[in-house]
Amino acid sequence: MQAVKDKIKEISYIRKAKGEAKEQEKDEKGLANAKKNIAKEVRKAKEAEEQMDIHIAKAEKIAEKEMAKHATRLQHLQHD
């Protein structure tokens, strides 16, 4: 009879350990997924920042071109 009780306790302990291991694995998978999502968003932010820098450079070139045009026009008007 004692052997049966011991076996039942052992099975109960094994089930509990398996449950805890599954829970820990689930938590680790969730954490890994969160890290992956964070890395993805950081990458997207860096790409957006690079695109923004490109657009700023384009805007600066356009502004310089327009300023040069207007400066030339003002010089012509002042000479007339």
Protein backbone atom coordinates (compact mmCIF):
# COMPACT_ATOMS: atom_id res chain seq x y z
CA MET A 1 0.00 0.00 0.00
CA GLN A 2 2.84 2.38 0.81
CA ALA A 3 4.38 1.76 -2.59
CA VAL A 4 1.13 2.84 -4.26
CA LYS A 5 0.99 6.03 -2.18
CA ASP A 6 4.62 6.77 -3.00
CA LYS A 7 3.97 6.19 -6.70
CA ILE A 8 0.96 8.54 -6.62
CA LYS A 9 3.06 11.23 -4.90
CA GLU A 10 5.79 10.73 -7.47
CA ILE A 11 3.30 11.07 -10.37
CA SER A 12 1.83 14.18 -8.75
CA TYR A 13 5.31 15.68 -8.35
CA ILE A 14 6.18 14.89 -11.98
CA ARG A 15 2.94 16.49 -13.22
CA LYS A 16 3.63 19.59 -11.16
CA ALA A 17 7.19 19.82 -12.48
CA LYS A 18 5.99 19.38 -16.08
CA GLY A 19 3.38 22.10 -15.57
CA GLU A 20 5.97 24.47 -14.15
CA ALA A 21 8.35 23.70 -17.02
CA LYS A 22 5.62 24.37 -19.59
CA GLU A 23 4.74 27.65 -17.87
CA GLN A 24 8.39 28.70 -17.84
CA GLU A 25 8.75 27.78 -21.53
CA LYS A 26 5.62 29.80 -22.33
CA ASP A 27 7.06 32.82 -20.48
CA GLU A 28 10.39 32.48 -22.29
CA LYS A 29 8.66 32.28 -25.68
CA GLY A 30 6.62 35.38 -24.81
CA LEU A 31 9.76 37.26 -23.83
CA ALA A 32 11.56 36.18 -27.01
CA ASN A 33 8.58 37.33 -29.08
CA ALA A 34 8.53 40.70 -27.29
CA LYS A 35 12.27 41.16 -27.93
CA LYS A 36 11.73 40.34 -31.61
CA ASN A 37 8.91 42.88 -31.87
CA ILE A 38 10.98 45.55 -30.13
CA ALA A 39 13.91 44.94 -32.48
CA LYS A 40 11.57 45.18 -35.46
CA GLU A 41 10.17 48.53 -34.30
CA VAL A 42 13.66 49.89 -33.60
CA ARG A 43 14.70 48.89 -37.13
CA LYS A 44 11.62 50.60 -38.57
CA ALA A 45 12.40 53.75 -36.57
CA LYS A 46 15.98 53.81 -37.84
CA GLU A 47 14.79 53.38 -41.42
CA ALA A 48 12.26 56.19 -40.96
CA GLU A 49 14.97 58.42 -39.51
CA GLU A 50 17.20 57.72 -42.53
CA GLN A 51 14.33 58.57 -44.87
CA MET A 52 13.69 61.77 -42.94
CA ASP A 53 17.36 62.74 -43.33
CA ILE A 54 17.09 62.19 -47.08
CA HIS A 55 13.99 64.38 -47.28
CA ILE A 56 15.63 67.10 -45.21
CA ALA A 57 18.63 67.11 -47.54
CA LYS A 58 16.31 67.37 -50.56
CA ALA A 59 14.43 70.23 -48.91
CA GLU A 60 17.70 72.04 -48.20
CA LYS A 61 18.77 71.72 -51.85
CA ILE A 62 15.42 73.08 -53.03
CA ALA A 63 15.64 75.95 -50.55
CA GLU A 64 19.17 76.82 -51.68
CA LYS A 65 18.08 76.73 -55.32
CA GLU A 66 15.09 78.99 -54.63
CA MET A 67 17.18 81.40 -52.55
CA ALA A 68 19.69 81.65 -55.39
CA LYS A 69 16.88 82.35 -57.87
CA HIS A 70 15.44 85.11 -55.73
CA ALA A 71 18.85 86.60 -55.03
CA THR A 72 19.51 86.77 -58.77
CA ARG A 73 16.14 88.41 -59.37
CA LEU A 74 16.76 90.96 -56.63
CA GLN A 75 20.15 91.83 -58.12
CA HIS A 76 18.54 92.38 -61.53
CA LEU A 77 15.86 94.58 -60.01
CA GLN A 78 18.38 96.64 -58.08
CA HIS A 79 20.45 97.28 -61.23
CA ASP A 80 17.44 98.45 -63.21
